[in-house]
PDB file of N, CA and C in Angstrom:
ATOM      1  N   UNK A   1      -1.607  40.465 130.094  1.00  0.00           N
ATOM      2  CA  UNK A   1      -1.693  40.111 129.607  1.00  0.00           C
ATOM      3  C   UNK A   1      -3.228  40.005 128.230  1.00  0.00           C
ATOM      4  N   UNK A   2      -3.393  38.639 130.168  1.00  0.00           N
ATOM      5  CA  UNK A   2      -4.758  37.451 128.883  1.00  0.00           C
ATOM      6  C   UNK A   2      -5.658  38.383 129.699  1.00  0.00           C
ATOM      7  N   UNK A   3      -5.940  38.893 130.409  1.00  0.00           N
ATOM      8  CA  UNK A   3      -6.979  39.367 131.119  1.00  0.00           C
ATOM      9  C   UNK A   3      -8.509  40.763 130.796  1.00  0.00           C
ATOM     10  N   UNK A   4      -6.757  41.323 129.546  1.00  0.00           N
ATOM     11  CA  UNK A   4      -7.390  42.124 128.555  1.00  0.00           C
ATOM     12  C   UNK A   4      -7.142  41.709 127.557  1.00  0.00           C
ATOM     13  N   UNK A   5      -6.969  40.214 127.293  1.00  0.00           N
ATOM     14  CA  UNK A   5      -7.675  39.647 125.447  1.00  0.00           C
ATOM     15  C   UNK A   5      -9.577  39.379 126.356  1.00  0.00           C
ATOM     16  N   UNK A   6      -9.811  38.750 127.142  1.00  0.00           N
ATOM     17  CA  UNK A   6     -10.970  38.249 127.646  1.00  0.00           C
ATOM     18  C   UNK A   6     -11.376  38.927 128.033  1.00  0.00           C
ATOM     19  N   UNK A   7     -11.038  40.732 128.284  1.00  0.00           N
ATOM     20  CA  UNK A   7     -12.424  42.103 128.567  1.00  0.00           C
ATOM     21  C   UNK A   7     -12.609  42.935 127.631  1.00  0.00           C
ATOM     22  N   UNK A   8     -11.682  41.958 126.901  1.00  0.00           N
ATOM     23  CA  UNK A   8     -12.012  42.635 124.766  1.00  0.00           C
ATOM     24  C   UNK A   8     -13.175  41.203 124.324  1.00  0.00           C
ATOM     25  N   UNK A   9     -13.110  40.009 124.483  1.00  0.00           N
ATOM     26  CA  UNK A   9     -13.880  39.236 123.721  1.00  0.00           C
ATOM     27  C   UNK A   9     -14.762  39.485 124.498  1.00  0.00           C
ATOM     28  N   UNK A  10     -15.193  39.423 126.145  1.00  0.00           N
ATOM     29  CA  UNK A  10     -16.415  39.287 126.597  1.00  0.00           C
ATOM     30  C   UNK A  10     -17.400  40.411 126.586  1.00  0.00           C
ATOM     31  N   UNK A  11     -16.588  41.691 125.577  1.00  0.00           N
ATOM     32  CA  UNK A  11     -17.241  42.736 125.429  1.00  0.00           C
ATOM     33  C   UNK A  11     -17.658  43.050 124.051  1.00  0.00           C
ATOM     34  N   UNK A  12     -17.075  42.560 123.006  1.00  0.00           N
ATOM     35  CA  UNK A  12     -17.459  41.917 122.193  1.00  0.00           C
ATOM     36  C   UNK A  12     -18.464  40.686 121.327  1.00  0.00           C
ATOM     37  N   UNK A  13     -18.524  40.489 122.584  1.00  0.00           N
ATOM     38  CA  UNK A  13     -19.688  39.344 122.902  1.00  0.00           C
ATOM     39  C   UNK A  13     -21.136  39.850 123.583  1.00  0.00           C
ATOM     40  N   UNK A  14     -21.013  40.575 124.135  1.00  0.00           N
ATOM     41  CA  UNK A  14     -21.522  41.323 125.574  1.00  0.00           C
ATOM     42  C   UNK A  14     -22.662  42.049 123.478  1.00  0.00           C
ATOM     43  N   UNK A  15     -21.496  43.203 123.041  1.00  0.00           N
ATOM     44  CA  UNK A  15     -22.359  43.625 122.493  1.00  0.00           C
ATOM     45  C   UNK A  15     -23.501  42.465 121.136  1.00  0.00           C
ATOM     46  N   UNK A  16     -22.591  41.783 120.247  1.00  0.00           N
ATOM     47  CA  UNK A  16     -22.831  40.879 119.680  1.00  0.00           C
ATOM     48  C   UNK A  16     -24.812  39.875 120.029  1.00  0.00           C
ATOM     49  N   UNK A  17     -24.723  39.824 121.882  1.00  0.00           N
ATOM     50  CA  UNK A  17     -25.528  39.139 122.295  1.00  0.00           C
ATOM     51  C   UNK A  17     -26.818  40.515 122.579  1.00  0.00           C
ATOM     52  N   UNK A  18     -25.904  41.778 122.680  1.00  0.00           N
ATOM     53  CA  UNK A  18     -27.401  42.638 122.631  1.00  0.00           C
ATOM     54  C   UNK A  18     -28.168  43.002 121.180  1.00  0.00           C
ATOM     55  N   UNK A  19     -27.393  42.961 120.270  1.00  0.00           N
ATOM     56  CA  UNK A  19     -27.748  43.035 118.830  1.00  0.00           C
ATOM     57  C   UNK A  19     -28.895  41.694 117.798  1.00  0.00           C
ATOM     58  N   UNK A  20     -28.515  40.968 119.119  1.00  0.00           N
ATOM     59  CA  UNK A  20     -28.618  39.759 118.863  1.00  0.00           C
ATOM     60  C   UNK A  20     -30.631  39.653 119.363  1.00  0.00           C
ATOM     61  N   UNK A  21     -30.727  40.065 120.886  1.00  0.00           N
ATOM     62  CA  UNK A  21     -32.090  39.736 121.045  1.00  0.00           C
ATOM     63  C   UNK A  21     -32.609  40.912 120.922  1.00  0.00           C
ATOM     64  N   UNK A  22     -31.966  42.545 120.963  1.00  0.00           N
ATOM     65  CA  UNK A  22     -32.845  43.691 120.691  1.00  0.00           C
ATOM     66  C   UNK A  22     -32.449  44.032 121.983  1.00  0.00           C
ATOM     67  N   UNK A  23     -31.780  44.473 123.220  1.00  0.00           N
ATOM     68  CA  UNK A  23     -31.152  45.552 123.909  1.00  0.00           C
ATOM     69  C   UNK A  23     -29.818  46.086 123.611  1.00  0.00           C
ATOM     70  N   UNK A  24     -30.072  46.265 124.643  1.00  0.00           N
ATOM     71  CA  UNK A  24     -28.855  47.841 124.656  1.00  0.00           C
ATOM     72  C   UNK A  24     -28.072  47.286 125.353  1.00  0.00           C
ATOM     73  N   UNK A  25     -26.634  47.554 125.367  1.00  0.00           N
ATOM     74  CA  UNK A  25     -25.144  47.137 125.536  1.00  0.00           C
ATOM     75  C   UNK A  25     -25.442  46.669 127.273  1.00  0.00           C
ATOM     76  N   UNK A  26     -26.530  47.591 127.832  1.00  0.00           N
ATOM     77  CA  UNK A  26     -25.959  47.557 129.204  1.00  0.00           C
ATOM     78  C   UNK A  26     -27.169  47.227 130.016  1.00  0.00           C
ATOM     79  N   UNK A  27     -28.179  46.339 129.227  1.00  0.00           N
ATOM     80  CA  UNK A  27     -29.287  45.569 128.982  1.00  0.00           C
ATOM     81  C   UNK A  27     -28.816  44.506 129.128  1.00  0.00           C
ATOM     82  N   UNK A  28     -27.900  44.711 128.376  1.00  0.00           N
ATOM     83  CA  UNK A  28     -27.257  42.835 127.822  1.00  0.00           C
ATOM     84  C   UNK A  28     -26.510  42.053 128.703  1.00  0.00           C
ATOM     85  N   UNK A  29     -25.789  43.389 129.286  1.00  0.00           N
ATOM     86  CA  UNK A  29     -25.012  42.381 130.067  1.00  0.00           C
ATOM     87  C   UNK A  29     -25.614  42.491 131.246  1.00  0.00           C
ATOM     88  N   UNK A  30     -26.530  43.478 132.042  1.00  0.00           N
ATOM     89  CA  UNK A  30     -27.749  43.443 133.616  1.00  0.00           C
ATOM     90  C   UNK A  30     -28.341  42.127 133.670  1.00  0.00           C
ATOM     91  N   UNK A  31     -28.246  41.286 132.266  1.00  0.00           N
ATOM     92  CA  UNK A  31     -29.361  40.084 132.189  1.00  0.00           C
ATOM     93  C   UNK A  31     -27.721  38.829 131.527  1.00  0.00           C
ATOM     94  N   UNK A  32     -26.835  38.611 130.971  1.00  0.00           N
ATOM     95  CA  UNK A  32     -25.425  38.210 131.289  1.00  0.00           C
ATOM     96  C   UNK A  32     -24.929  38.022 132.902  1.00  0.00           C
ATOM     97  N   UNK A  33     -25.409  39.516 133.329  1.00  0.00           N
ATOM     98  CA  UNK A  33     -24.473  39.301 134.623  1.00  0.00           C
ATOM     99  C   UNK A  33     -25.817  38.241 135.720  1.00  0.00           C
ATOM    100  N   UNK A  34     -27.134  38.442 135.962  1.00  0.00           N
ATOM    101  CA  UNK A  34     -28.147  37.828 136.517  1.00  0.00           C
ATOM    102  C   UNK A  34     -28.401  36.156 135.829  1.00  0.00           C
ATOM    103  N   UNK A  35     -28.737  37.018 135.020  1.00  0.00           N
ATOM    104  CA  UNK A  35     -28.263  34.564 135.034  1.00  0.00           C
ATOM    105  C   UNK A  35     -26.991  34.286 133.764  1.00  0.00           C
ATOM    106  N   UNK A  36     -26.354  34.124 134.352  1.00  0.00           N
ATOM    107  CA  UNK A  36     -24.758  33.520 134.899  1.00  0.00           C
ATOM    108  C   UNK A  36     -24.644  33.372 133.341  1.00  0.00           C
ATOM    109  N   UNK A  37     -24.322  34.611 132.382  1.00  0.00           N
ATOM    110  CA  UNK A  37     -23.776  34.428 130.991  1.00  0.00           C
ATOM    111  C   UNK A  37     -23.365  35.581 130.891  1.00  0.00           C
ATOM    112  N   UNK A  38     -22.328  36.162 131.913  1.00  0.00           N
ATOM    113  CA  UNK A  38     -20.786  37.051 131.763  1.00  0.00           C
ATOM    114  C   UNK A  38     -19.947  35.516 133.358  1.00  0.00           C
ATOM    115  N   UNK A  39     -20.279  35.269 134.707  1.00  0.00           N
ATOM    116  CA  UNK A  39     -19.824  33.596 134.318  1.00  0.00           C
ATOM    117  C   UNK A  39     -19.099  32.606 133.472  1.00  0.00           C
ATOM    118  N   UNK A  40     -20.011  32.071 132.222  1.00  0.00           N
ATOM    119  CA  UNK A  40     -19.966  31.243 131.953  1.00  0.00           C
ATOM    120  C   UNK A  40     -19.156  32.223 130.712  1.00  0.00           C
ATOM    121  N   UNK A  41     -18.749  33.683 130.721  1.00  0.00           N
ATOM    122  CA  UNK A  41     -17.492  33.488 130.083  1.00  0.00           C
ATOM    123  C   UNK A  41     -16.699  33.452 130.109  1.00  0.00           C
ATOM    124  N   UNK A  42     -16.244  33.784 131.839  1.00  0.00           N
ATOM    125  CA  UNK A  42     -14.835  34.287 132.209  1.00  0.00           C
ATOM    126  C   UNK A  42     -14.559  32.449 132.273  1.00  0.00           C
ATOM    127  N   UNK A  43     -15.832  31.914 132.303  1.00  0.00           N
ATOM    128  CA  UNK A  43     -15.163  30.856 133.309  1.00  0.00           C
ATOM    129  C   UNK A  43     -14.924  29.639 131.858  1.00  0.00           C
ATOM    130  N   UNK A  44     -15.099  29.355 130.643  1.00  0.00           N
ATOM    131  CA  UNK A  44     -15.245  28.998 129.874  1.00  0.00           C
ATOM    132  C   UNK A  44     -14.475  29.653 128.314  1.00  0.00           C
ATOM    133  N   UNK A  45     -13.070  31.027 129.053  1.00  0.00           N
ATOM    134  CA  UNK A  45     -13.124  31.713 128.245  1.00  0.00           C
ATOM    135  C   UNK A  45     -12.211  31.028 127.272  1.00  0.00           C
ATOM    136  N   UNK A  46     -11.012  30.255 127.990  1.00  0.00           N
ATOM    137  CA  UNK A  46     -10.273  29.230 126.595  1.00  0.00           C
ATOM    138  C   UNK A  46     -11.167  28.389 125.765  1.00  0.00           C
ATOM    139  N   UNK A  47     -11.926  28.049 126.236  1.00  0.00           N
ATOM    140  CA  UNK A  47     -12.804  26.756 124.080  1.00  0.00           C
ATOM    141  C   UNK A  47     -13.459  28.404 124.237  1.00  0.00           C
ATOM    142  N   UNK A  48     -14.651  28.678 124.614  1.00  0.00           N
ATOM    143  CA  UNK A  48     -15.277  29.725 123.768  1.00  0.00           C
ATOM    144  C   UNK A  48     -14.106  31.022 123.291  1.00  0.00           C
ATOM    145  N   UNK A  49     -13.588  31.319 123.578  1.00  0.00           N
ATOM    146  CA  UNK A  49     -12.978  32.551 122.304  1.00  0.00           C
ATOM    147  C   UNK A  49     -12.636  31.700 120.908  1.00  0.00           C
ATOM    148  N   UNK A  50     -12.360  29.719 120.945  1.00  0.00           N
ATOM    149  CA  UNK A  50     -11.872  29.804 119.542  1.00  0.00           C
ATOM    150  C   UNK A  50     -13.509  29.759 118.422  1.00  0.00           C
ATOM    151  N   UNK A  51     -14.189  29.401 119.238  1.00  0.00           N
ATOM    152  CA  UNK A  51     -15.192  29.332 118.523  1.00  0.00           C
ATOM    153  C   UNK A  51     -15.779  30.952 117.857  1.00  0.00           C
ATOM    154  N   UNK A  52     -17.282  30.685 117.129  1.00  0.00           N
ATOM    155  CA  UNK A  52     -16.791  32.365 116.033  1.00  0.00           C
ATOM    156  C   UNK A  52     -17.696  33.253 117.063  1.00  0.00           C
ATOM    157  N   UNK A  53     -18.568  33.784 116.985  1.00  0.00           N
ATOM    158  CA  UNK A  53     -18.791  35.032 118.361  1.00  0.00           C
ATOM    159  C   UNK A  53     -20.250  34.614 118.742  1.00  0.00           C
ATOM    160  N   UNK A  54     -20.489  34.222 117.396  1.00  0.00           N
ATOM    161  CA  UNK A  54     -22.528  33.706 116.925  1.00  0.00           C
ATOM    162  C   UNK A  54     -22.350  32.474 117.799  1.00  0.00           C
ATOM    163  N   UNK A  55     -21.723  31.816 117.890  1.00  0.00           N
ATOM    164  CA  UNK A  55     -21.030  30.305 118.418  1.00  0.00           C
ATOM    165  C   UNK A  55     -21.647  30.688 120.396  1.00  0.00           C
ATOM    166  N   UNK A  56     -20.627  31.304 119.949  1.00  0.00           N
ATOM    167  CA  UNK A  56     -20.770  32.129 122.296  1.00  0.00           C
ATOM    168  C   UNK A  56     -21.962  32.781 122.371  1.00  0.00           C
ATOM    169  N   UNK A  57     -22.904  33.467 121.580  1.00  0.00           N
ATOM    170  CA  UNK A  57     -23.398  34.014 121.615  1.00  0.00           C
ATOM    171  C   UNK A  57     -25.110  33.217 121.225  1.00  0.00           C
ATOM    172  N   UNK A  58     -25.408  31.811 120.983  1.00  0.00           N
ATOM    173  CA  UNK A  58     -25.667  30.892 121.331  1.00  0.00           C
ATOM    174  C   UNK A  58     -25.603  29.835 123.014  1.00  0.00           C
ATOM    175  N   UNK A  59     -24.068  30.199 122.807  1.00  0.00           N
ATOM    176  CA  UNK A  59     -24.504  29.842 123.898  1.00  0.00           C
ATOM    177  C   UNK A  59     -24.619  30.780 125.268  1.00  0.00           C
ATOM    178  N   UNK A  60     -24.759  31.547 125.204  1.00  0.00           N
ATOM    179  CA  UNK A  60     -24.882  32.879 126.245  1.00  0.00           C
ATOM    180  C   UNK A  60     -26.263  31.865 126.365  1.00  0.00           C
ATOM    181  N   UNK A  61     -27.166  32.155 125.230  1.00  0.00           N
ATOM    182  CA  UNK A  61     -28.774  32.321 125.368  1.00  0.00           C
ATOM    183  C   UNK A  61     -29.238  30.862 125.767  1.00  0.00           C
ATOM    184  N   UNK A  62     -29.040  29.551 125.395  1.00  0.00           N
ATOM    185  CA  UNK A  62     -28.328  28.148 126.540  1.00  0.00           C
ATOM    186  C   UNK A  62     -27.808  29.013 127.569  1.00  0.00           C
ATOM    187  N   UNK A  63     -26.997  29.291 128.372  1.00  0.00           N
ATOM    188  CA  UNK A  63     -27.032  28.889 130.032  1.00  0.00           C
ATOM    189  C   UNK A  63     -28.217  30.076 130.466  1.00  0.00           C
ATOM    190  N   UNK A  64     -28.111  31.299 129.907  1.00  0.00           N
ATOM    191  CA  UNK A  64     -29.155  31.771 130.949  1.00  0.00           C
ATOM    192  C   UNK A  64     -31.168  31.706 130.919  1.00  0.00           C
ATOM    193  N   UNK A  65     -30.664  30.583 129.574  1.00  0.00           N
ATOM    194  CA  UNK A  65     -32.172  30.098 129.850  1.00  0.00           C
ATOM    195  C   UNK A  65     -31.952  29.044 131.222  1.00  0.00           C
ATOM    196  N   UNK A  66     -30.617  27.994 130.745  1.00  0.00           N
ATOM    197  CA  UNK A  66     -30.829  27.362 131.774  1.00  0.00           C
ATOM    198  C   UNK A  66     -30.738  27.550 133.815  1.00  0.00           C
ATOM    199  N   UNK A  67     -30.418  29.340 133.347  1.00  0.00           N
ATOM    200  CA  UNK A  67     -30.689  29.277 134.948  1.00  0.00           C
ATOM    201  C   UNK A  67     -31.595  31.095 135.109  1.00  0.00           C
ATOM    202  N   UNK A  68     -33.144  30.443 134.703  1.00  0.00           N
ATOM    203  CA  UNK A  68     -33.674  31.074 134.830  1.00  0.00           C
ATOM    204  C   UNK A  68     -34.203  32.486 133.527  1.00  0.00           C
ATOM    205  N   UNK A  69     -34.106  32.439 132.320  1.00  0.00           N
ATOM    206  CA  UNK A  69     -33.380  33.773 131.866  1.00  0.00           C
ATOM    207  C   UNK A  69     -35.060  32.938 130.863  1.00  0.00           C
ATOM    208  N   UNK A  70     -35.157  34.418 130.322  1.00  0.00           N
ATOM    209  CA  UNK A  70     -36.321  34.257 128.906  1.00  0.00           C
ATOM    210  C   UNK A  70     -36.729  33.963 128.396  1.00  0.00           C
ATOM    211  N   UNK A  71     -35.087  35.063 127.157  1.00  0.00           N
ATOM    212  CA  UNK A  71     -34.719  35.095 126.024  1.00  0.00           C
ATOM    213  C   UNK A  71     -34.830  33.794 125.366  1.00  0.00           C
ATOM    214  N   UNK A  72     -34.533  34.748 123.414  1.00  0.00           N
ATOM    215  CA  UNK A  72     -34.599  33.162 122.755  1.00  0.00           C
ATOM    216  C   UNK A  72     -33.922  33.934 122.066  1.00  0.00           C
TER     217      UNK A  72
END
């Protein structure tokens, strides 16, 4: 059951990330996957899902930038 919640959470965060940076959902997912944002959400789900979606998007921008991403 937790996997279902984790997947729903990741989808929600990806959509909000896409809106924030002006990408399509597909482009946002590809960017987050390439620059380790999806892996971060999976690994840190227990802590991240307790924060606001805006905080999660902020964290993704930092993580992806550290891994070579160019969005801010």
